Amino acid sequence: MDETQMRGELRQLSRALRRVHKAIADIELQYVTGPVSALEQLQILTNHPQLLWLQKLSALMAELDECMEEPDVAAADIAARFRTVIEQLVGPRAPSDEEFRKRYTTLLHDGPDVAIAHGGLRAVLMRLPSAEE
């Protein structure tokens, strides 16, 4: 896969992470609040104690977007690194954060939208190079 194609896969990865994040946020917000505006949702997502665990995924999405803006870094290197980090968060690699994995797995089993988004994320991850390759 050439550099342009790999950058396209990284954009797909970013979109897949956002779909997972949104699916999780939609479920979690139902537990902590009723209908609120988009600004209130953002404030709740960033400040509510029950949702702080989700900040790890938020930060990862921001970091990926920043890395994609670096023209001097090979897209394959970025892809391999993010594949490893994401798989450590959501599986199948050994978890880097047990609490995140526990909450994520619970939502994966309880929320069809999370499961669908997770499937899309896994499909993108499988197209990316692994750090071991």
N, C-alpha and C. Protein backbone atom coordinates (compact mmCIF):
# COMPACT_ATOMS: atom_id res chain seq x y z
N MET A 1 0.85 -1.16 0.00
CA MET A 1 0.00 0.00 0.00
C MET A 1 0.91 1.24 0.00
N ASP A 2 0.63 2.18 -0.89
CA ASP A 2 1.48 3.37 -0.96
C ASP A 2 1.06 4.40 0.10
N GLU A 3 1.83 5.48 0.18
CA GLU A 3 1.61 6.50 1.21
C GLU A 3 0.22 7.13 1.11
N THR A 4 -0.22 7.43 -0.08
CA THR A 4 -1.54 8.05 -0.27
C THR A 4 -2.65 7.11 0.19
N GLN A 5 -2.55 5.85 -0.17
CA GLN A 5 -3.56 4.87 0.26
C GLN A 5 -3.55 4.71 1.78
N MET A 6 -2.34 4.68 2.37
CA MET A 6 -2.24 4.52 3.82
C MET A 6 -2.84 5.73 4.53
N ARG A 7 -2.63 6.91 4.02
CA ARG A 7 -3.23 8.12 4.61
C ARG A 7 -4.76 8.04 4.51
N GLY A 8 -5.25 7.48 3.42
CA GLY A 8 -6.69 7.26 3.30
C GLY A 8 -7.21 6.30 4.36
N GLU A 9 -6.44 5.26 4.63
CA GLU A 9 -6.82 4.30 5.69
C GLU A 9 -6.80 4.98 7.06
N LEU A 10 -5.86 5.89 7.28
CA LEU A 10 -5.81 6.62 8.55
C LEU A 10 -7.04 7.52 8.70
N ARG A 11 -7.49 8.11 7.61
CA ARG A 11 -8.73 8.90 7.67
C ARG A 11 -9.92 8.00 8.00
N GLN A 12 -9.93 6.80 7.42
CA GLN A 12 -10.98 5.83 7.74
C GLN A 12 -10.93 5.44 9.22
N LEU A 13 -9.71 5.27 9.73
CA LEU A 13 -9.54 4.93 11.14
C LEU A 13 -10.09 6.05 12.02
N SER A 14 -9.80 7.28 11.68
CA SER A 14 -10.29 8.42 12.44
C SER A 14 -11.82 8.43 12.45
N ARG A 15 -12.43 8.21 11.30
CA ARG A 15 -13.90 8.17 11.22
C ARG A 15 -14.47 7.01 12.04
N ALA A 16 -13.82 5.86 11.98
CA ALA A 16 -14.29 4.69 12.73
C ALA A 16 -14.21 4.95 14.24
N LEU A 17 -13.13 5.59 14.69
CA LEU A 17 -13.00 5.92 16.11
C LEU A 17 -14.09 6.89 16.54
N ARG A 18 -14.41 7.84 15.69
CA ARG A 18 -15.46 8.81 16.01
C ARG A 18 -16.83 8.13 16.11
N ARG A 19 -17.08 7.16 15.25
CA ARG A 19 -18.36 6.43 15.32
C ARG A 19 -18.45 5.64 16.63
N VAL A 20 -17.34 5.01 17.02
CA VAL A 20 -17.33 4.28 18.30
C VAL A 20 -17.56 5.25 19.45
N HIS A 21 -16.84 6.36 19.43
CA HIS A 21 -16.96 7.36 20.49
C HIS A 21 -18.39 7.87 20.59
N LYS A 22 -19.00 8.18 19.46
CA LYS A 22 -20.37 8.69 19.46
C LYS A 22 -21.35 7.65 20.00
N ALA A 23 -21.19 6.41 19.57
CA ALA A 23 -22.09 5.35 20.05
C ALA A 23 -21.99 5.19 21.56
N ILE A 24 -20.78 5.23 22.08
CA ILE A 24 -20.58 5.12 23.53
C ILE A 24 -21.16 6.34 24.23
N ALA A 25 -20.84 7.53 23.71
CA ALA A 25 -21.33 8.76 24.34
C ALA A 25 -22.85 8.80 24.37
N ASP A 26 -23.49 8.38 23.30
CA ASP A 26 -24.96 8.38 23.27
C ASP A 26 -25.54 7.53 24.39
N ILE A 27 -24.96 6.38 24.61
CA ILE A 27 -25.44 5.49 25.68
C ILE A 27 -25.13 6.08 27.05
N GLU A 28 -23.90 6.49 27.24
CA GLU A 28 -23.49 7.00 28.54
C GLU A 28 -24.26 8.26 28.93
N LEU A 29 -24.53 9.13 27.96
CA LEU A 29 -25.27 10.35 28.27
C LEU A 29 -26.69 10.04 28.73
N GLN A 30 -27.28 8.96 28.24
CA GLN A 30 -28.62 8.56 28.68
C GLN A 30 -28.64 8.26 30.16
N TYR A 31 -27.52 7.73 30.67
CA TYR A 31 -27.45 7.35 32.09
C TYR A 31 -27.25 8.55 33.01
N VAL A 32 -26.64 9.61 32.51
CA VAL A 32 -26.29 10.72 33.40
C VAL A 32 -27.13 11.97 33.19
N THR A 33 -27.89 12.05 32.10
CA THR A 33 -28.68 13.25 31.84
C THR A 33 -29.83 12.94 30.90
N GLY A 34 -30.73 13.86 30.81
CA GLY A 34 -31.81 13.78 29.82
C GLY A 34 -31.38 14.53 28.57
N PRO A 35 -32.35 14.92 27.75
CA PRO A 35 -32.02 15.66 26.53
C PRO A 35 -31.32 16.99 26.87
N VAL A 36 -30.20 17.23 26.20
CA VAL A 36 -29.43 18.46 26.41
C VAL A 36 -28.91 18.95 25.06
N SER A 37 -28.46 20.18 25.04
CA SER A 37 -27.90 20.75 23.80
C SER A 37 -26.53 20.14 23.53
N ALA A 38 -26.03 20.38 22.33
CA ALA A 38 -24.70 19.86 21.95
C ALA A 38 -23.62 20.43 22.86
N LEU A 39 -23.71 21.70 23.21
CA LEU A 39 -22.72 22.31 24.10
C LEU A 39 -22.77 21.67 25.48
N GLU A 40 -23.98 21.44 25.98
CA GLU A 40 -24.11 20.78 27.28
C GLU A 40 -23.57 19.35 27.23
N GLN A 41 -23.80 18.65 26.11
CA GLN A 41 -23.24 17.31 25.96
C GLN A 41 -21.72 17.34 26.06
N LEU A 42 -21.11 18.29 25.37
CA LEU A 42 -19.66 18.41 25.41
C LEU A 42 -19.17 18.66 26.83
N GLN A 43 -19.84 19.55 27.54
CA GLN A 43 -19.45 19.84 28.92
C GLN A 43 -19.60 18.60 29.81
N ILE A 44 -20.66 17.87 29.62
CA ILE A 44 -20.88 16.65 30.41
C ILE A 44 -19.82 15.60 30.07
N LEU A 45 -19.56 15.42 28.78
CA LEU A 45 -18.56 14.42 28.36
C LEU A 45 -17.18 14.73 28.91
N THR A 46 -16.85 16.01 29.03
CA THR A 46 -15.50 16.35 29.48
C THR A 46 -15.38 16.53 30.98
N ASN A 47 -16.51 16.67 31.68
CA ASN A 47 -16.42 16.99 33.10
C ASN A 47 -17.12 16.01 34.05
N HIS A 48 -18.05 15.22 33.55
CA HIS A 48 -18.81 14.35 34.45
C HIS A 48 -17.93 13.20 34.94
N PRO A 49 -17.89 12.96 36.23
CA PRO A 49 -17.02 11.91 36.77
C PRO A 49 -17.27 10.52 36.20
N GLN A 50 -18.51 10.20 35.85
CA GLN A 50 -18.80 8.88 35.31
C GLN A 50 -18.34 8.72 33.86
N LEU A 51 -17.99 9.81 33.22
CA LEU A 51 -17.60 9.75 31.82
C LEU A 51 -16.11 10.03 31.60
N LEU A 52 -15.38 10.24 32.65
CA LEU A 52 -13.96 10.54 32.51
C LEU A 52 -13.19 9.42 31.81
N TRP A 53 -13.64 8.19 31.95
CA TRP A 53 -12.95 7.07 31.31
C TRP A 53 -12.92 7.23 29.80
N LEU A 54 -13.90 7.91 29.24
CA LEU A 54 -14.01 8.08 27.79
C LEU A 54 -12.99 9.08 27.24
N GLN A 55 -12.39 9.87 28.13
CA GLN A 55 -11.40 10.85 27.70
C GLN A 55 -10.18 10.20 27.07
N LYS A 56 -9.90 8.99 27.46
CA LYS A 56 -8.76 8.28 26.85
C LYS A 56 -9.00 8.10 25.35
N LEU A 57 -10.20 7.74 24.97
CA LEU A 57 -10.54 7.58 23.55
C LEU A 57 -10.57 8.94 22.85
N SER A 58 -11.09 9.94 23.53
CA SER A 58 -11.12 11.30 22.96
C SER A 58 -9.70 11.79 22.66
N ALA A 59 -8.81 11.60 23.60
CA ALA A 59 -7.42 12.04 23.43
C ALA A 59 -6.75 11.28 22.30
N LEU A 60 -7.05 10.01 22.19
CA LEU A 60 -6.47 9.19 21.12
C LEU A 60 -6.92 9.67 19.75
N MET A 61 -8.19 10.05 19.64
CA MET A 61 -8.70 10.57 18.37
C MET A 61 -7.99 11.88 18.01
N ALA A 62 -7.82 12.74 18.99
CA ALA A 62 -7.14 14.02 18.74
C ALA A 62 -5.69 13.78 18.33
N GLU A 63 -5.03 12.86 19.01
CA GLU A 63 -3.63 12.56 18.69
C GLU A 63 -3.50 12.00 17.27
N LEU A 64 -4.41 11.12 16.89
CA LEU A 64 -4.38 10.58 15.53
C LEU A 64 -4.54 11.69 14.50
N ASP A 65 -5.48 12.58 14.73
CA ASP A 65 -5.69 13.68 13.80
C ASP A 65 -4.45 14.56 13.69
N GLU A 66 -3.79 14.81 14.81
CA GLU A 66 -2.55 15.60 14.79
C GLU A 66 -1.45 14.88 14.01
N CYS A 67 -1.31 13.59 14.23
CA CYS A 67 -0.27 12.82 13.54
C CYS A 67 -0.50 12.79 12.04
N MET A 68 -1.75 12.76 11.63
CA MET A 68 -2.06 12.72 10.20
C MET A 68 -1.66 14.02 9.51
N GLU A 69 -1.51 15.09 10.28
CA GLU A 69 -1.11 16.38 9.73
C GLU A 69 0.41 16.49 9.55
N GLU A 70 1.16 15.53 10.06
CA GLU A 70 2.62 15.55 9.97
C GLU A 70 3.06 14.93 8.65
N PRO A 71 3.47 15.74 7.68
CA PRO A 71 3.83 15.19 6.37
C PRO A 71 5.15 14.40 6.37
N ASP A 72 5.98 14.64 7.38
CA ASP A 72 7.30 13.99 7.39
C ASP A 72 7.30 12.62 8.05
N VAL A 73 6.19 12.22 8.63
CA VAL A 73 6.10 10.92 9.30
C VAL A 73 5.38 9.95 8.36
N ALA A 74 5.98 8.80 8.15
CA ALA A 74 5.40 7.79 7.26
C ALA A 74 4.05 7.32 7.80
N ALA A 75 3.06 7.30 6.93
CA ALA A 75 1.71 6.89 7.33
C ALA A 75 1.70 5.46 7.86
N ALA A 76 2.53 4.59 7.31
CA ALA A 76 2.58 3.20 7.78
C ALA A 76 3.04 3.13 9.23
N ASP A 77 3.98 3.99 9.60
CA ASP A 77 4.45 4.02 10.99
C ASP A 77 3.36 4.50 11.93
N ILE A 78 2.64 5.53 11.51
CA ILE A 78 1.51 6.04 12.31
C ILE A 78 0.46 4.95 12.45
N ALA A 79 0.14 4.30 11.34
CA ALA A 79 -0.90 3.26 11.34
C ALA A 79 -0.54 2.11 12.27
N ALA A 80 0.69 1.64 12.20
CA ALA A 80 1.11 0.51 13.05
C ALA A 80 1.04 0.89 14.53
N ARG A 81 1.48 2.11 14.84
CA ARG A 81 1.47 2.55 16.24
C ARG A 81 0.03 2.66 16.76
N PHE A 82 -0.85 3.27 15.97
CA PHE A 82 -2.22 3.44 16.43
C PHE A 82 -2.98 2.12 16.45
N ARG A 83 -2.67 1.22 15.54
CA ARG A 83 -3.31 -0.09 15.60
C ARG A 83 -3.00 -0.76 16.94
N THR A 84 -1.74 -0.71 17.33
CA THR A 84 -1.34 -1.32 18.61
C THR A 84 -2.05 -0.67 19.78
N VAL A 85 -2.03 0.66 19.84
CA VAL A 85 -2.63 1.38 20.96
C VAL A 85 -4.14 1.12 21.03
N ILE A 86 -4.80 1.17 19.90
CA ILE A 86 -6.26 0.95 19.89
C ILE A 86 -6.59 -0.48 20.28
N GLU A 87 -5.83 -1.44 19.76
CA GLU A 87 -6.10 -2.84 20.12
C GLU A 87 -5.82 -3.09 21.59
N GLN A 88 -4.93 -2.33 22.19
CA GLN A 88 -4.70 -2.46 23.64
C GLN A 88 -5.87 -1.88 24.43
N LEU A 89 -6.56 -0.92 23.85
CA LEU A 89 -7.74 -0.36 24.52
C LEU A 89 -8.97 -1.24 24.35
N VAL A 90 -9.28 -1.62 23.11
CA VAL A 90 -10.55 -2.29 22.84
C VAL A 90 -10.43 -3.77 22.54
N GLY A 91 -9.22 -4.29 22.42
CA GLY A 91 -8.99 -5.69 22.13
C GLY A 91 -8.54 -5.87 20.70
N PRO A 92 -7.96 -6.95 20.36
CA PRO A 92 -7.77 -8.17 21.14
C PRO A 92 -6.47 -8.23 21.94
N ARG A 93 -5.61 -7.22 21.84
CA ARG A 93 -4.35 -7.26 22.60
C ARG A 93 -4.62 -7.15 24.10
N ALA A 94 -3.62 -7.49 24.88
CA ALA A 94 -3.71 -7.34 26.33
C ALA A 94 -4.02 -5.88 26.64
N PRO A 95 -4.93 -5.63 27.58
CA PRO A 95 -5.36 -4.27 27.83
C PRO A 95 -4.28 -3.38 28.44
N SER A 96 -4.23 -2.14 27.97
CA SER A 96 -3.34 -1.15 28.55
C SER A 96 -4.04 -0.43 29.70
N ASP A 97 -5.36 -0.53 29.75
CA ASP A 97 -6.16 0.12 30.79
C ASP A 97 -7.33 -0.82 31.10
N GLU A 98 -7.22 -1.51 32.21
CA GLU A 98 -8.24 -2.52 32.58
C GLU A 98 -9.62 -1.89 32.77
N GLU A 99 -9.68 -0.72 33.41
CA GLU A 99 -10.97 -0.07 33.66
C GLU A 99 -11.64 0.33 32.34
N PHE A 100 -10.88 0.88 31.41
CA PHE A 100 -11.44 1.24 30.11
C PHE A 100 -11.98 -0.01 29.43
N ARG A 101 -11.18 -1.07 29.40
CA ARG A 101 -11.59 -2.29 28.70
C ARG A 101 -12.85 -2.87 29.32
N LYS A 102 -12.95 -2.84 30.62
CA LYS A 102 -14.14 -3.38 31.31
C LYS A 102 -15.39 -2.60 30.90
N ARG A 103 -15.31 -1.28 30.95
CA ARG A 103 -16.46 -0.46 30.59
C ARG A 103 -16.79 -0.61 29.10
N TYR A 104 -15.76 -0.62 28.28
CA TYR A 104 -15.96 -0.75 26.83
C TYR A 104 -16.63 -2.08 26.50
N THR A 105 -16.16 -3.15 27.09
CA THR A 105 -16.71 -4.47 26.81
C THR A 105 -18.17 -4.56 27.26
N THR A 106 -18.48 -3.96 28.38
CA THR A 106 -19.87 -3.95 28.85
C THR A 106 -20.76 -3.25 27.83
N LEU A 107 -20.33 -2.08 27.37
CA LEU A 107 -21.13 -1.34 26.38
C LEU A 107 -21.18 -2.07 25.04
N LEU A 108 -20.10 -2.74 24.71
CA LEU A 108 -20.06 -3.51 23.46
C LEU A 108 -21.13 -4.60 23.47
N HIS A 109 -21.35 -5.20 24.61
CA HIS A 109 -22.34 -6.27 24.73
C HIS A 109 -23.76 -5.73 24.89
N ASP A 110 -23.88 -4.53 25.49
CA ASP A 110 -25.21 -3.99 25.79
C ASP A 110 -25.76 -3.04 24.72
N GLY A 111 -24.88 -2.49 23.89
CA GLY A 111 -25.32 -1.49 22.93
C GLY A 111 -25.10 -1.92 21.50
N PRO A 112 -26.17 -2.21 20.77
CA PRO A 112 -26.02 -2.61 19.37
C PRO A 112 -25.25 -1.60 18.52
N ASP A 113 -25.46 -0.31 18.78
CA ASP A 113 -24.75 0.71 18.01
C ASP A 113 -23.25 0.67 18.30
N VAL A 114 -22.89 0.38 19.54
CA VAL A 114 -21.48 0.25 19.89
C VAL A 114 -20.89 -0.97 19.19
N ALA A 115 -21.63 -2.06 19.19
CA ALA A 115 -21.16 -3.28 18.53
C ALA A 115 -20.96 -3.07 17.03
N ILE A 116 -21.88 -2.37 16.40
CA ILE A 116 -21.76 -2.10 14.97
C ILE A 116 -20.54 -1.21 14.70
N ALA A 117 -20.40 -0.16 15.50
CA ALA A 117 -19.25 0.74 15.33
C ALA A 117 -17.94 0.01 15.59
N HIS A 118 -17.94 -0.87 16.58
CA HIS A 118 -16.75 -1.66 16.89
C HIS A 118 -16.39 -2.56 15.71
N GLY A 119 -17.38 -3.16 15.09
CA GLY A 119 -17.12 -4.00 13.92
C GLY A 119 -16.47 -3.20 12.80
N GLY A 120 -16.94 -1.98 12.59
CA GLY A 120 -16.34 -1.12 11.59
C GLY A 120 -14.91 -0.75 11.93
N LEU A 121 -14.67 -0.48 13.20
CA LEU A 121 -13.32 -0.17 13.66
C LEU A 121 -12.39 -1.36 13.45
N ARG A 122 -12.85 -2.54 13.80
CA ARG A 122 -12.02 -3.75 13.63
C ARG A 122 -11.69 -3.97 12.15
N ALA A 123 -12.65 -3.71 11.28
CA ALA A 123 -12.42 -3.90 9.84
C ALA A 123 -11.30 -2.96 9.36
N VAL A 124 -11.32 -1.72 9.82
CA VAL A 124 -10.27 -0.78 9.44
C VAL A 124 -8.93 -1.22 10.03
N LEU A 125 -8.94 -1.59 11.29
CA LEU A 125 -7.68 -2.01 11.95
C LEU A 125 -7.03 -3.19 11.23
N MET A 126 -7.84 -4.10 10.75
CA MET A 126 -7.29 -5.28 10.08
C MET A 126 -6.58 -4.92 8.77
N ARG A 127 -6.90 -3.78 8.19
CA ARG A 127 -6.24 -3.35 6.96
C ARG A 127 -4.92 -2.61 7.22
N LEU A 128 -4.68 -2.27 8.47
CA LEU A 128 -3.48 -1.51 8.83
C LEU A 128 -2.33 -2.46 9.15
N PRO A 129 -1.10 -1.98 8.93
CA PRO A 129 0.05 -2.83 9.30
C PRO A 129 0.13 -2.99 10.81
N SER A 130 0.63 -4.12 11.24
CA SER A 130 0.85 -4.38 12.63
C SER A 130 2.28 -4.02 12.98
N ALA A 131 2.52 -3.62 14.22
CA ALA A 131 3.87 -3.27 14.65
C ALA A 131 4.82 -4.46 14.51
N GLU A 132 4.28 -5.66 14.54
CA GLU A 132 5.10 -6.87 14.45
C GLU A 132 5.51 -7.19 13.03
N GLU A 133 4.86 -6.56 12.05
CA GLU A 133 5.14 -6.89 10.64
C GLU A 133 6.39 -6.19 10.17
